């Protein structure tokens, strides 16, 4: 089991890849994921190679041949079985996979309650709130034979809540207070974005102000397509769902578009969790989001989305005398900065679904 690296390149660009080394194995070439593609050796052993980026996304995997016989894992133990922390503290749990010469010594870390204590890929535990959690370390060999070891973490106290995030303020996705499964990367629009999102992953934010009654969230997403969505939960990752947005393809992982999500009218300061849903593999990237009162489809700006908005849009498209759009952006349902019949069709579908 090795690491996965995601890179972004333009079609026609010369890309160099490096398999580096893997103890106990000999490099055995590159496996191309989609269609036939020429991979040219740069180094004598081929671990460093290059190819011309095609018009489509490509997945390339280094192949390795085991030197000698496989030595299976016989077990795993931790340097501690119980750990007591105050909220806000961190501590690393160390795992010992034996025998020492085992072929694959990968350790995967998970927490039974990441709201109490989270754990990263290196076994570093972060205490978040009063309670207990069980940190599980497991091995994973190619034959899926697993060994596990556990550490009980007891957390005392809670982290002092931060000042509420003001209503209408843009919230950077990477500023989450808790997460499960995701990582961050450099963003083409500057700063960082949340990436490597898979089905069931989530990010959470404490003390987000929804004002006197928010009904919309803008999401800045980069997507390569697929049947994926964002669920907006209140209170916890399993809390009440106040809105769901299907994520449209934007043309690439670092090609960004703002998409709107209608939510149940929600007010006051809440903890918000964005839970990501979709198929296999990585789903999409998220740069930022913003909670506001911009009602989708409300082109007459009366604070509601009704048949009156559809009538206004229809009259404007037909160039009826004195017809105007009070808020044309609310009518741009196709999000292409063009108001046309396709937006009207989308509006009709929204009204029917209501």
Protein backbone atom coordinates (compact mmCIF):
# COMPACT_ATOMS: atom_id res chain seq x y z
CA UNK A 1 0.00 0.00 0.00
CA UNK A 2 1.47 3.34 -1.02
CA UNK A 3 0.50 6.98 -1.05
CA UNK A 4 -1.85 8.66 -3.52
CA UNK A 5 -0.86 11.98 -5.07
CA UNK A 6 -3.28 14.14 -7.05
CA UNK A 7 -1.81 16.68 -9.49
CA UNK A 8 -3.39 19.07 -11.97
CA UNK A 9 -2.01 19.49 -15.48
CA UNK A 10 -3.18 21.00 -18.75
CA UNK A 11 -3.71 18.80 -21.84
CA UNK A 12 -0.48 18.60 -23.84
CA UNK A 13 1.72 19.35 -20.83
CA UNK A 14 4.81 17.18 -20.23
CA UNK A 15 4.35 15.49 -16.84
CA UNK A 16 7.16 13.84 -14.85
CA UNK A 17 6.30 11.12 -12.33
CA UNK A 18 8.54 9.59 -9.66
CA UNK A 19 7.84 6.24 -7.98
CA UNK A 20 10.69 6.83 -5.50
CA UNK A 21 11.42 3.58 -3.62
CA UNK A 22 9.63 0.96 -1.55
CA UNK A 23 11.62 -1.11 0.97
CA UNK A 24 11.52 -4.82 0.19
CA UNK A 25 10.24 -4.33 -3.36
CA UNK A 26 11.64 -3.80 -6.86
CA UNK A 27 9.98 -1.35 -9.26
CA UNK A 28 8.06 -3.23 -11.99
CA UNK A 29 6.80 -0.50 -14.30
CA UNK A 30 3.78 1.80 -14.55
CA UNK A 31 0.14 0.75 -14.85
CA UNK A 32 -1.99 3.21 -16.81
CA UNK A 33 -5.57 3.51 -15.60
CA UNK A 34 -7.45 4.71 -18.70
CA UNK A 35 -6.68 3.67 -22.30
CA UNK A 36 -3.22 3.12 -23.71
CA UNK A 37 -0.77 5.94 -23.14
CA UNK A 38 2.96 6.17 -23.79
CA UNK A 39 5.10 6.49 -20.65
CA UNK A 40 8.76 7.33 -21.39
CA UNK A 41 11.61 6.41 -19.05
CA UNK A 42 13.69 9.27 -17.69
CA UNK A 43 15.81 7.29 -15.22
CA UNK A 44 17.50 4.01 -16.08
CA UNK A 45 15.20 1.94 -13.86
CA UNK A 46 12.05 3.76 -14.97
CA UNK A 47 11.05 4.97 -11.50
CA UNK A 48 11.26 8.48 -12.95
CA UNK A 49 9.25 8.68 -16.18
CA UNK A 50 7.24 11.17 -18.20
CA UNK A 51 4.13 11.36 -20.38
CA UNK A 52 2.07 13.92 -22.28
CA UNK A 53 -1.09 14.86 -20.41
CA UNK A 54 -4.16 13.72 -22.44
CA UNK A 55 -7.50 15.51 -22.76
CA UNK A 56 -9.01 13.42 -19.97
CA UNK A 57 -8.13 12.66 -16.34
CA UNK A 58 -5.56 9.90 -15.97
CA UNK A 59 -4.64 7.58 -13.13
CA UNK A 60 -1.16 6.02 -13.16
CA UNK A 61 -0.02 3.47 -10.59
CA UNK A 62 3.49 2.24 -9.86
CA UNK A 63 3.81 -1.57 -9.90
CA UNK A 64 6.12 -3.31 -7.44
CA UNK A 65 7.55 -6.83 -7.25
CA UNK A 66 8.19 -8.35 -3.85
CA UNK A 67 11.83 -9.24 -3.12
CA UNK A 68 11.89 -12.79 -1.73
CA UNK A 69 9.00 -14.21 0.28
CA UNK A 70 6.24 -12.22 1.95
CA UNK A 71 6.44 -11.86 5.71
CA UNK A 72 2.92 -11.48 7.08
CA UNK A 73 2.01 -9.28 10.02
CA UNK A 74 1.53 -11.26 13.23
CA UNK A 75 0.05 -8.52 15.38
CA UNK A 76 0.02 -4.90 16.55
CA UNK A 77 0.38 -3.27 19.97
CA UNK A 78 0.20 0.32 21.20
CA UNK A 79 2.49 2.09 23.65
CA UNK A 80 -0.54 2.89 25.84
CA UNK A 81 -4.04 1.52 26.37
CA UNK A 82 -5.47 4.50 28.27
CA UNK A 83 -4.92 8.21 27.74
CA UNK A 84 -6.27 11.19 29.71
CA UNK A 85 -6.23 14.66 28.15
CA UNK A 86 -7.67 18.09 28.79
CA UNK A 87 -9.65 19.57 25.93
CA UNK A 88 -7.28 21.27 23.52
CA UNK A 89 -4.31 19.00 24.30
CA UNK A 90 -2.66 16.61 21.83
CA UNK A 91 -0.71 13.39 22.30
CA UNK A 92 0.74 10.79 19.95
CA UNK A 93 -0.04 7.10 20.28
CA UNK A 94 2.70 4.90 18.82
CA UNK A 95 1.98 1.57 17.17
CA UNK A 96 4.36 -1.37 16.98
CA UNK A 97 3.62 -3.77 14.12
CA UNK A 98 5.41 -7.10 14.44
CA UNK A 99 7.44 -8.95 13.39
CA UNK A 100 9.98 -6.25 12.67
CA UNK A 101 10.58 -7.57 9.14
CA UNK A 102 6.88 -7.70 8.17
CA UNK A 103 6.42 -6.83 4.51
CA UNK A 104 3.54 -4.33 4.93
CA UNK A 105 3.46 -2.38 8.20
CA UNK A 106 0.75 0.13 7.27
CA UNK A 107 -1.34 1.37 10.23
CA UNK A 108 -4.76 2.97 9.76
CA UNK A 109 -6.10 5.13 12.61
CA UNK A 110 -9.76 5.90 13.41
CA UNK A 111 -11.72 7.39 16.31
CA UNK A 112 -15.04 6.05 17.61
CA UNK A 113 -16.09 9.60 18.50
CA UNK A 114 -14.19 12.30 16.57
CA UNK A 115 -16.24 15.03 18.29
CA UNK A 116 -14.56 14.05 21.59
CA UNK A 117 -11.11 13.08 20.30
CA UNK A 118 -9.85 13.02 16.73
CA UNK A 119 -6.80 11.19 15.40
CA UNK A 120 -4.67 11.83 12.32
CA UNK A 121 -2.78 9.43 10.05
CA UNK A 122 0.26 9.52 12.36
CA UNK A 123 -1.64 8.57 15.52
CA UNK A 124 -1.70 12.11 16.93
CA UNK A 125 -4.81 12.50 19.10
CA UNK A 126 -6.49 15.89 19.61
CA UNK A 127 -8.83 16.26 22.60
CA UNK A 128 -11.90 18.30 21.66
CA UNK A 129 -14.68 17.96 24.23
CA UNK A 130 -15.65 16.25 27.48
CA UNK A 131 -16.23 12.50 27.15
CA UNK A 132 -14.54 9.29 26.04
CA UNK A 133 -13.48 7.91 22.66
CA UNK A 134 -11.79 4.76 21.51
CA UNK A 135 -8.82 5.13 19.17
CA UNK A 136 -8.44 2.11 16.91
CA UNK A 137 -5.23 1.20 15.10
CA UNK A 138 -5.45 -1.55 12.49
CA UNK A 139 -3.15 -3.19 10.01
CA UNK A 140 -4.18 -3.81 6.43
CA UNK A 141 -2.39 -6.33 4.27
CA UNK A 142 -3.23 -7.20 0.65
CA UNK A 143 -5.20 -10.25 1.77
CA UNK A 144 -7.28 -7.99 4.07
CA UNK A 145 -6.15 -9.91 7.16
CA UNK A 146 -6.31 -7.32 9.89
CA UNK A 147 -4.95 -6.99 13.42
CA UNK A 148 -6.24 -4.26 15.74
CA UNK A 149 -5.26 -2.51 18.97
CA UNK A 150 -7.24 0.05 20.97
CA UNK A 151 -6.59 2.97 23.27
CA UNK A 152 -9.31 4.53 25.44
CA UNK A 153 -9.09 8.32 25.51
CA UNK A 154 -10.78 10.29 28.30
CA UNK A 155 -11.21 14.02 27.74
CA UNK A 156 -11.95 16.52 30.49
CA UNK A 157 -13.44 19.97 29.90
CA UNK A 158 -14.14 21.64 26.61
CA UNK A 159 -12.48 24.15 24.35
CA UNK A 160 -13.68 27.70 24.94
CA UNK A 161 -16.02 28.55 22.06
CA UNK A 162 -14.70 31.06 19.58
CA UNK A 163 -16.55 34.21 18.68
CA UNK A 164 -19.45 33.44 16.31
CA UNK A 165 -18.64 33.59 12.60
CA UNK A 166 -20.66 36.63 11.41
CA UNK A 167 -23.68 36.10 9.21
CA UNK A 168 -22.88 36.66 5.52
CA UNK A 169 -19.12 36.25 5.99
CA UNK A 170 -17.27 33.99 3.56
CA UNK A 171 -16.02 30.91 5.43
CA UNK A 172 -12.88 29.23 4.10
CA UNK A 173 -13.46 25.47 3.88
CA UNK A 174 -10.01 24.66 5.28
CA UNK A 175 -10.80 26.61 8.50
CA UNK A 176 -12.92 23.74 9.84
CA UNK A 177 -12.83 22.94 13.56
CA UNK A 178 -13.29 19.21 12.99
CA UNK A 179 -13.09 16.89 10.02
CA UNK A 180 -13.16 13.28 8.96
CA UNK A 181 -11.34 11.89 5.93
CA UNK A 182 -10.43 15.07 4.05
CA UNK A 183 -7.17 16.91 3.45
CA UNK A 184 -6.15 20.32 2.12
CA UNK A 185 -4.12 21.44 -0.88
CA UNK A 186 -3.00 24.63 -2.63
CA UNK A 187 -5.87 26.36 -4.41
CA UNK A 188 -5.65 27.98 -7.87
CA UNK A 189 -7.64 30.93 -6.46
CA UNK A 190 -5.12 31.42 -3.65
CA UNK A 191 -4.73 29.91 -0.21
CA UNK A 192 -5.98 26.39 0.42
CA UNK A 193 -9.03 24.31 -0.46
CA UNK A 194 -10.47 21.10 1.00
CA UNK A 195 -9.68 18.16 -1.27
CA UNK A 196 -9.39 14.37 -1.42
CA UNK A 197 -13.07 14.23 -0.43
CA UNK A 198 -14.66 10.78 -0.46
CA UNK A 199 -18.14 9.46 0.26
CA UNK A 200 -19.08 9.95 3.93
CA UNK A 201 -16.32 12.46 4.73
CA UNK A 202 -17.28 15.68 6.50
CA UNK A 203 -16.05 19.01 7.84
CA UNK A 204 -17.52 20.87 10.81
CA UNK A 205 -17.60 24.51 11.94
CA UNK A 206 -18.45 25.84 15.40
CA UNK A 207 -20.56 28.92 16.18
CA UNK A 208 -21.78 29.93 12.74
CA UNK A 209 -24.32 32.78 12.79
CA UNK A 210 -27.35 32.24 10.53
CA UNK A 211 -28.71 35.69 11.32
CA UNK A 212 -32.45 36.19 11.75
CA UNK A 213 -33.27 33.48 9.25
CA UNK A 214 -30.95 32.28 6.46
CA UNK A 215 -32.37 30.31 3.54
CA UNK A 216 -29.39 29.89 1.24
CA UNK A 217 -25.73 28.84 1.24
CA UNK A 218 -23.30 29.58 -1.59
CA UNK A 219 -20.65 26.89 -2.15
CA UNK A 220 -17.47 27.50 -4.18
CA UNK A 221 -16.73 24.09 -5.71
CA UNK A 222 -14.36 22.52 -8.23
CA UNK A 223 -15.67 19.28 -9.72
CA UNK A 224 -14.70 16.89 -12.46
CA UNK A 225 -18.28 15.60 -12.68
CA UNK A 226 -20.11 12.70 -11.09
CA UNK A 227 -23.28 12.17 -9.07
CA UNK A 228 -22.18 13.89 -5.85
CA UNK A 229 -23.77 16.12 -3.23
CA UNK A 230 -23.28 18.18 -0.05
CA UNK A 231 -25.60 17.65 2.91
CA UNK A 232 -25.89 20.49 5.44
CA UNK A 233 -26.36 19.18 8.99
CA UNK A 234 -26.94 21.12 12.21
CA UNK A 235 -25.41 20.09 15.56
CA UNK A 236 -23.46 17.02 14.45
CA UNK A 237 -22.60 15.00 11.30
CA UNK A 238 -25.74 12.97 12.03
CA UNK A 239 -27.85 15.95 13.03
CA UNK A 240 -30.86 17.43 11.28
CA UNK A 241 -30.40 17.97 7.54
CA UNK A 242 -31.46 21.49 6.59
CA UNK A 243 -30.41 21.34 2.94
CA UNK A 244 -28.84 19.21 0.21
CA UNK A 245 -27.08 20.44 -2.93
CA UNK A 246 -26.20 18.33 -5.96
CA UNK A 247 -22.70 19.34 -7.09
CA UNK A 248 -22.51 20.12 -10.80
CA UNK A 249 -19.36 19.49 -12.79
CA UNK A 250 -17.27 22.64 -13.25
CA UNK A 251 -14.77 21.36 -15.81
CA UNK A 252 -11.96 20.36 -13.44
CA UNK A 253 -10.77 19.98 -9.87
CA UNK A 254 -9.32 23.53 -9.87
CA UNK A 255 -11.99 25.13 -12.09
CA UNK A 256 -14.21 26.96 -9.63
CA UNK A 257 -17.88 27.92 -9.75
CA UNK A 258 -20.28 29.15 -7.08
CA UNK A 259 -23.36 26.98 -6.65
CA UNK A 260 -26.38 27.76 -4.47
CA UNK A 261 -28.04 25.49 -1.94
CA UNK A 262 -31.52 26.21 -0.57
CA UNK A 263 -31.85 25.42 3.14
CA UNK A 264 -34.68 25.36 5.65
CA UNK A 265 -35.01 28.78 7.26
CA UNK A 266 -32.48 28.69 10.10
CA UNK A 267 -31.61 31.42 12.60
CA UNK A 268 -29.18 32.04 15.43
CA UNK A 269 -25.73 30.60 16.12
CA UNK A 270 -25.29 26.93 15.23
CA UNK A 271 -22.64 24.30 14.68
CA UNK A 272 -22.72 23.28 11.01
CA UNK A 273 -21.45 20.08 9.41
CA UNK A 274 -21.00 19.58 5.68
CA UNK A 275 -21.30 15.87 4.89
CA UNK A 276 -20.15 14.78 1.44
CA UNK A 277 -21.95 12.07 -0.53
CA UNK A 278 -21.14 10.35 -3.82
CA UNK A 279 -19.68 7.31 -5.51
CA UNK A 280 -16.24 5.74 -5.47
CA UNK A 281 -13.04 7.79 -5.59
CA UNK A 282 -12.59 11.50 -4.97
CA UNK A 283 -15.80 13.56 -5.35
CA UNK A 284 -14.97 17.30 -5.67
CA UNK A 285 -13.04 20.12 -3.99
CA UNK A 286 -14.45 22.91 -1.81
CA UNK A 287 -12.86 26.36 -1.51
CA UNK A 288 -15.35 28.33 0.63
CA UNK A 289 -19.02 28.76 1.50
CA UNK A 290 -21.21 31.66 2.59
CA UNK A 291 -24.54 31.66 4.43
CA UNK A 292 -26.91 34.37 3.23
CA UNK A 293 -30.51 35.36 2.55
CA UNK A 294 -30.31 35.28 -1.22
CA UNK A 295 -33.35 33.18 -2.09
CA UNK A 296 -32.72 31.16 -5.25
CA UNK A 297 -35.11 32.19 -8.03
CA UNK A 298 -36.33 35.32 -6.19
CA UNK A 299 -35.81 37.64 -9.16
CA UNK A 300 -38.46 40.13 -7.93
CA UNK A 301 -36.55 40.43 -4.60
CA UNK A 302 -39.54 40.08 -2.30
CA UNK A 303 -37.82 37.50 -0.13
CA UNK A 304 -39.84 34.56 -1.49
CA UNK A 305 -39.65 32.25 -4.50
CA UNK A 306 -43.10 31.98 -6.05
CA UNK A 307 -44.93 31.86 -9.38
CA UNK A 308 -44.61 35.66 -9.49
CA UNK A 309 -40.87 35.26 -10.09
CA UNK A 310 -41.51 32.90 -13.01
CA UNK A 311 -43.96 35.39 -14.53
CA UNK A 312 -41.43 38.22 -14.23
CA UNK A 313 -38.69 36.11 -15.85
CA UNK A 314 -41.00 34.99 -18.68
CA UNK A 315 -42.02 38.58 -19.44
CA UNK A 316 -38.39 39.69 -19.46
CA UNK A 317 -37.36 36.89 -21.84
CA UNK A 318 -40.30 37.74 -24.16
CA UNK A 319 -39.28 41.42 -24.05
CA UNK A 320 -42.66 42.56 -22.78
CA UNK A 321 -42.85 46.35 -22.53
CA UNK A 322 -41.43 47.69 -19.25
CA UNK A 323 -40.50 44.16 -18.09
CA UNK A 324 -37.45 44.09 -15.84
CA UNK A 325 -35.64 41.78 -13.44
CA UNK A 326 -35.17 43.28 -9.99
CA UNK A 327 -32.42 40.75 -9.18
CA UNK A 328 -31.11 39.11 -12.34
CA UNK A 329 -28.53 37.01 -10.45
CA UNK A 330 -31.32 35.22 -8.59
CA UNK A 331 -32.76 34.23 -11.99
CA UNK A 332 -29.44 32.85 -13.31
CA UNK A 333 -30.26 29.30 -12.26
CA UNK A 334 -27.87 27.81 -14.84
CA UNK A 335 -25.06 29.89 -13.30
CA UNK A 336 -23.59 30.88 -16.67
CA UNK A 337 -24.09 34.68 -16.31
CA UNK A 338 -26.69 34.53 -19.09
CA UNK A 339 -30.45 34.87 -18.59
CA UNK A 340 -32.35 32.81 -21.16
CA UNK A 341 -35.05 30.18 -21.68
CA UNK A 342 -32.95 27.53 -19.97
CA UNK A 343 -33.14 29.49 -16.71
CA UNK A 344 -36.91 29.73 -17.13
CA UNK A 345 -37.18 25.93 -17.62
CA UNK A 346 -35.07 25.37 -14.48
CA UNK A 347 -37.30 27.79 -12.55
CA UNK A 348 -40.45 25.94 -13.62
CA UNK A 349 -38.94 22.67 -12.43
CA UNK A 350 -38.09 24.21 -9.06
CA UNK A 351 -41.64 25.50 -8.63
CA UNK A 352 -43.13 22.12 -9.54
CA UNK A 353 -40.80 20.34 -7.08
CA UNK A 354 -42.00 22.66 -4.29
